[in-house]
N, C-alpha and C. Protein backbone atom coordinates (compact mmCIF):
# COMPACT_ATOMS: atom_id res chain seq x y z
N UNK A 1 -52.34 -8.86 31.23
CA UNK A 1 -51.29 -7.72 30.50
C UNK A 1 -52.65 -6.92 29.97
N UNK A 2 -53.47 -6.94 29.71
CA UNK A 2 -54.73 -6.17 29.50
C UNK A 2 -54.91 -4.98 30.02
N UNK A 3 -54.72 -5.66 31.82
CA UNK A 3 -54.44 -4.20 32.57
C UNK A 3 -53.87 -3.10 32.33
N UNK A 4 -52.21 -3.64 31.95
CA UNK A 4 -51.86 -2.48 31.25
C UNK A 4 -52.16 -1.29 30.29
N UNK A 5 -53.17 -1.56 29.96
CA UNK A 5 -53.86 -1.06 28.94
C UNK A 5 -54.50 0.26 29.74
N UNK A 6 -55.18 -0.54 30.56
CA UNK A 6 -56.35 0.45 30.93
C UNK A 6 -56.26 1.48 31.32
N UNK A 7 -55.08 2.18 31.94
CA UNK A 7 -54.48 3.48 32.57
C UNK A 7 -54.31 4.55 31.06
N UNK A 8 -53.91 3.83 30.32
CA UNK A 8 -53.58 4.60 28.69
C UNK A 8 -54.96 4.45 28.04
N UNK A 9 -55.90 3.57 28.04
CA UNK A 9 -57.25 4.05 27.20
C UNK A 9 -57.50 4.76 27.94
N UNK A 10 -58.26 4.45 29.54
CA UNK A 10 -59.13 6.34 30.11
C UNK A 10 -57.95 7.16 29.94
N UNK A 11 -56.62 7.67 29.99
CA UNK A 11 -55.98 8.70 29.56
C UNK A 11 -56.20 9.04 28.33
N UNK A 12 -56.35 8.30 27.11
CA UNK A 12 -56.60 9.03 26.25
C UNK A 12 -57.79 9.27 25.96
N UNK A 13 -58.79 8.53 26.58
CA UNK A 13 -60.37 9.27 26.37
C UNK A 13 -60.70 10.57 27.06
N UNK A 14 -59.92 10.95 28.44
CA UNK A 14 -59.67 11.89 28.83
C UNK A 14 -59.12 13.12 28.01
N UNK A 15 -57.79 12.70 27.26
CA UNK A 15 -57.41 14.00 26.31
C UNK A 15 -58.07 13.97 25.09
N UNK A 16 -58.82 13.18 24.87
CA UNK A 16 -59.79 13.06 23.41
C UNK A 16 -61.00 13.79 23.80
N UNK A 17 -61.24 13.90 25.08
CA UNK A 17 -62.80 14.79 25.40
C UNK A 17 -62.56 16.12 25.38
N UNK A 18 -61.31 15.95 26.60
CA UNK A 18 -60.89 17.55 26.55
C UNK A 18 -60.07 18.31 25.47
N UNK A 19 -59.50 17.38 24.76
CA UNK A 19 -58.84 18.22 23.83
C UNK A 19 -58.64 17.88 22.41
N UNK A 20 -59.57 17.24 22.18
CA UNK A 20 -59.94 16.41 20.45
C UNK A 20 -59.01 15.56 20.00
N UNK A 21 -58.34 15.57 20.25
CA UNK A 21 -56.90 14.78 20.00
C UNK A 21 -56.62 13.17 20.68
N UNK A 22 -55.74 12.64 19.74
CA UNK A 22 -55.15 11.55 20.12
C UNK A 22 -54.35 11.09 20.03
N UNK A 23 -53.20 11.05 20.82
CA UNK A 23 -51.75 10.85 20.55
C UNK A 23 -51.74 9.53 20.90
N UNK A 24 -50.57 8.79 19.57
CA UNK A 24 -50.25 7.63 20.02
C UNK A 24 -49.14 7.17 20.87
N UNK A 25 -48.27 7.53 21.06
CA UNK A 25 -46.91 8.18 21.84
C UNK A 25 -47.57 7.95 23.43
N UNK A 26 -48.41 9.14 23.79
CA UNK A 26 -48.70 9.17 24.91
C UNK A 26 -49.82 7.76 25.46
N UNK A 27 -50.10 7.29 24.48
CA UNK A 27 -51.18 5.67 24.68
C UNK A 27 -50.05 4.94 25.30
N UNK A 28 -49.21 4.56 24.23
CA UNK A 28 -48.11 3.98 24.28
C UNK A 28 -47.10 4.07 25.46
N UNK A 29 -46.83 4.84 25.96
CA UNK A 29 -45.71 5.23 26.74
C UNK A 29 -45.96 4.47 28.14
N UNK A 30 -47.31 4.89 28.37
CA UNK A 30 -47.33 3.71 30.00
C UNK A 30 -47.09 1.95 29.71
N UNK A 31 -48.12 1.36 29.02
CA UNK A 31 -48.07 -0.06 28.61
C UNK A 31 -46.25 0.09 28.16
N UNK A 32 -45.41 0.73 27.75
CA UNK A 32 -44.18 0.23 27.18
C UNK A 32 -43.04 0.36 28.82
N UNK A 33 -43.54 1.18 29.84
CA UNK A 33 -42.84 1.77 30.66
C UNK A 33 -43.22 0.52 31.92
N UNK A 34 -44.36 -0.27 31.72
CA UNK A 34 -44.95 -1.31 32.78
C UNK A 34 -44.17 -2.53 32.13
N UNK A 35 -43.98 -2.67 30.66
CA UNK A 35 -43.41 -4.03 30.26
C UNK A 35 -42.07 -4.15 30.64
N UNK A 36 -41.35 -2.88 30.74
CA UNK A 36 -39.74 -2.41 30.97
C UNK A 36 -39.97 -2.87 32.60
N UNK A 37 -40.74 -2.31 33.54
CA UNK A 37 -40.59 -2.77 34.59
C UNK A 37 -40.89 -3.99 35.02
N UNK A 38 -41.56 -4.41 34.32
CA UNK A 38 -42.09 -5.84 34.79
C UNK A 38 -40.25 -6.84 34.53
N UNK A 39 -39.45 -6.61 33.42
CA UNK A 39 -38.57 -7.36 32.90
C UNK A 39 -37.36 -6.87 33.79
N UNK A 40 -37.30 -5.71 34.20
CA UNK A 40 -36.38 -5.37 35.47
C UNK A 40 -36.48 -5.80 36.54
N UNK A 41 -37.73 -5.37 36.65
CA UNK A 41 -38.03 -5.83 38.63
C UNK A 41 -38.13 -7.54 38.06
N UNK A 42 -38.65 -8.14 37.55
CA UNK A 42 -38.75 -9.76 37.39
C UNK A 42 -39.90 -9.85 38.59
N UNK A 43 -40.96 -9.29 38.51
CA UNK A 43 -41.63 -9.91 39.14
C UNK A 43 -43.59 -9.94 38.46
N UNK A 44 -44.34 -11.26 38.69
CA UNK A 44 -45.41 -10.91 38.52
C UNK A 44 -46.90 -10.08 39.04
N UNK A 45 -46.27 -9.16 40.19
CA UNK A 45 -46.99 -8.41 40.68
C UNK A 45 -47.75 -7.16 39.97
N UNK A 46 -48.70 -7.84 39.31
CA UNK A 46 -49.21 -6.46 38.33
C UNK A 46 -49.27 -5.19 38.91
N UNK A 47 -50.20 -5.32 40.00
CA UNK A 47 -50.38 -3.94 40.96
C UNK A 47 -49.08 -3.26 41.34
N UNK A 48 -48.15 -4.01 41.77
CA UNK A 48 -46.98 -3.58 42.06
C UNK A 48 -46.19 -2.32 40.82
N UNK A 49 -45.96 -2.99 40.16
CA UNK A 49 -45.83 -2.80 38.31
C UNK A 49 -46.63 -1.77 37.80
N UNK A 50 -48.27 -1.66 38.28
CA UNK A 50 -48.52 -0.13 37.91
C UNK A 50 -48.55 0.55 38.91
N UNK A 51 -48.23 0.56 40.06
CA UNK A 51 -48.42 1.85 40.81
C UNK A 51 -46.76 1.91 41.15
N UNK A 52 -45.76 1.38 41.00
CA UNK A 52 -44.01 2.24 40.18
C UNK A 52 -44.07 2.90 39.08
N UNK A 53 -45.18 2.23 37.96
CA UNK A 53 -45.28 3.39 36.98
C UNK A 53 -45.92 4.46 37.28
N UNK A 54 -47.14 4.33 37.76
CA UNK A 54 -47.60 5.95 37.80
C UNK A 54 -46.57 6.77 39.04
N UNK A 55 -45.87 5.90 39.84
CA UNK A 55 -44.45 6.92 40.80
C UNK A 55 -43.76 7.49 39.69
N UNK A 56 -43.05 7.10 38.90
CA UNK A 56 -41.98 7.51 38.06
C UNK A 56 -42.67 8.31 37.08
N UNK A 57 -44.10 8.30 36.88
CA UNK A 57 -44.30 9.42 35.79
C UNK A 57 -44.58 10.68 36.42
N UNK A 58 -45.28 10.19 37.51
CA UNK A 58 -45.51 11.64 38.44
C UNK A 58 -44.18 12.44 38.57
N UNK A 59 -43.14 11.69 38.98
CA UNK A 59 -41.70 12.32 39.58
C UNK A 59 -41.32 12.93 38.00
N UNK A 60 -41.53 11.91 36.94
CA UNK A 60 -41.41 12.87 35.89
C UNK A 60 -41.74 13.78 35.44
N UNK A 61 -42.84 14.16 35.41
CA UNK A 61 -43.60 15.41 35.45
C UNK A 61 -43.43 16.11 36.33
N UNK A 62 -42.75 15.99 37.74
CA UNK A 62 -42.87 16.81 38.53
C UNK A 62 -41.11 17.98 37.69
N UNK A 63 -40.30 16.80 37.51
CA UNK A 63 -39.18 17.22 37.43
C UNK A 63 -39.08 18.51 36.01
N UNK A 64 -39.94 17.40 35.27
CA UNK A 64 -40.17 18.46 33.69
C UNK A 64 -40.72 20.06 33.87
N UNK A 65 -41.63 19.75 34.50
CA UNK A 65 -42.34 20.97 35.18
C UNK A 65 -41.55 22.11 35.55
N UNK A 66 -40.71 21.40 36.67
CA UNK A 66 -39.37 22.27 37.39
C UNK A 66 -38.67 22.82 35.91
N UNK A 67 -38.14 22.27 35.24
CA UNK A 67 -37.28 22.48 34.27
C UNK A 67 -37.98 23.46 32.96
N UNK A 68 -39.43 23.34 33.13
CA UNK A 68 -39.96 24.12 31.76
C UNK A 68 -40.26 25.21 32.98
N UNK A 69 -40.35 25.27 33.70
CA UNK A 69 -40.77 26.48 34.95
C UNK A 69 -42.07 26.74 34.54
N UNK A 70 -43.02 25.88 34.38
CA UNK A 70 -44.30 25.93 34.23
C UNK A 70 -45.10 26.98 35.27
N UNK A 71 -44.41 26.86 36.61
CA UNK A 71 -45.29 28.05 37.27
C UNK A 71 -45.53 29.22 36.88
N UNK A 72 -44.08 29.86 36.63
CA UNK A 72 -44.17 31.35 36.09
C UNK A 72 -44.53 31.27 34.71
N UNK A 73 -44.43 30.24 33.66
CA UNK A 73 -45.33 30.50 32.44
C UNK A 73 -46.85 30.74 32.73
N UNK A 74 -47.76 29.72 33.58
CA UNK A 74 -48.56 29.71 33.38
C UNK A 74 -49.54 30.33 34.46
N UNK A 75 -48.75 31.35 35.66
CA UNK A 75 -49.04 32.09 36.48
C UNK A 75 -50.54 33.18 36.03
N UNK A 76 -49.59 33.61 34.94
CA UNK A 76 -51.11 34.82 34.55
C UNK A 76 -52.45 34.50 34.11
N UNK A 77 -52.30 33.23 33.59
CA UNK A 77 -53.63 32.12 33.02
C UNK A 77 -54.44 31.99 34.07
N UNK A 78 -53.30 31.51 35.10
CA UNK A 78 -54.74 31.32 36.59
C UNK A 78 -55.35 32.29 37.04
N UNK A 79 -54.24 33.43 37.11
CA UNK A 79 -54.76 34.39 37.61
C UNK A 79 -55.99 35.08 37.16
N UNK A 80 -55.99 34.81 36.19
CA UNK A 80 -57.45 35.67 34.94
C UNK A 80 -58.61 34.34 35.26
N UNK A 81 -57.62 33.14 35.29
CA UNK A 81 -58.97 32.10 35.21
C UNK A 81 -59.91 31.59 36.44
N UNK A 82 -59.22 31.81 37.42
CA UNK A 82 -59.58 31.47 38.87
C UNK A 82 -59.58 32.69 39.63
N UNK A 83 -58.82 34.31 39.12
CA UNK A 83 -59.36 35.16 40.17
C UNK A 83 -58.50 34.73 41.25
N UNK A 84 -57.67 34.85 41.08
CA UNK A 84 -56.11 33.78 42.10
C UNK A 84 -55.65 35.62 42.57
N UNK A 85 -55.42 35.95 43.77
CA UNK A 85 -54.55 37.01 44.45
C UNK A 85 -53.40 36.25 44.57
N UNK A 86 -52.38 36.16 44.74
CA UNK A 86 -51.04 36.11 45.21
C UNK A 86 -50.31 36.67 45.75
N UNK A 87 -49.76 36.53 47.14
CA UNK A 87 -49.32 37.87 48.21
C UNK A 87 -47.67 37.66 47.58
N UNK A 88 -47.32 38.87 47.85
CA UNK A 88 -46.02 38.96 47.38
C UNK A 88 -44.85 38.61 48.24
N UNK A 89 -45.02 37.54 49.17
CA UNK A 89 -44.25 37.35 50.15
C UNK A 89 -42.96 36.48 49.89
N UNK A 90 -42.89 35.89 48.76
CA UNK A 90 -41.81 35.43 48.19
C UNK A 90 -40.47 36.40 47.42
N UNK A 91 -41.49 37.79 47.15
CA UNK A 91 -40.69 38.89 46.57
C UNK A 91 -40.14 39.47 47.29
N UNK A 92 -40.89 39.58 48.85
CA UNK A 92 -40.20 40.59 49.49
C UNK A 92 -39.51 39.85 50.96
N UNK A 93 -39.20 38.66 50.76
CA UNK A 93 -38.72 37.61 51.71
C UNK A 93 -37.42 37.17 50.94
N UNK A 94 -36.29 36.57 51.73
CA UNK A 94 -35.30 35.77 50.55
C UNK A 94 -35.22 34.31 51.36
N UNK A 95 -34.99 33.28 50.75
CA UNK A 95 -35.14 32.06 51.50
C UNK A 95 -33.68 31.93 52.37
N UNK A 96 -33.28 32.67 52.29
CA UNK A 96 -31.81 32.62 53.04
C UNK A 96 -32.71 33.46 54.64
N UNK A 97 -33.21 34.15 54.84
CA UNK A 97 -33.96 34.56 56.13
C UNK A 97 -34.72 33.41 56.98
N UNK A 98 -35.27 32.66 56.02
CA UNK A 98 -35.73 31.18 57.11
C UNK A 98 -35.48 30.36 57.57
N UNK A 99 -33.83 30.29 57.06
CA UNK A 99 -32.82 29.46 57.59
C UNK A 99 -31.72 29.70 58.53
């Protein structure tokens, strides 16, 4: 069961180094999800539970990003930070033309 705390421990360390803060909720989110998956799936295969937990969090973060519209909110930041040049393909073409 100690292995369930490895991912949150490393994630918390990364967040502390990057943002200089520690979030107990973020630290406990992964182990709590792993324990819930262990109960729901009723398996002792720790690796399967850890992979499923990462997949669930991956899908959750994708959906959350789509709902928040993160791409458009952060587009200007990325243009300045990475000196990106965006083409106007999607603004000039509608998605109906591709179908």
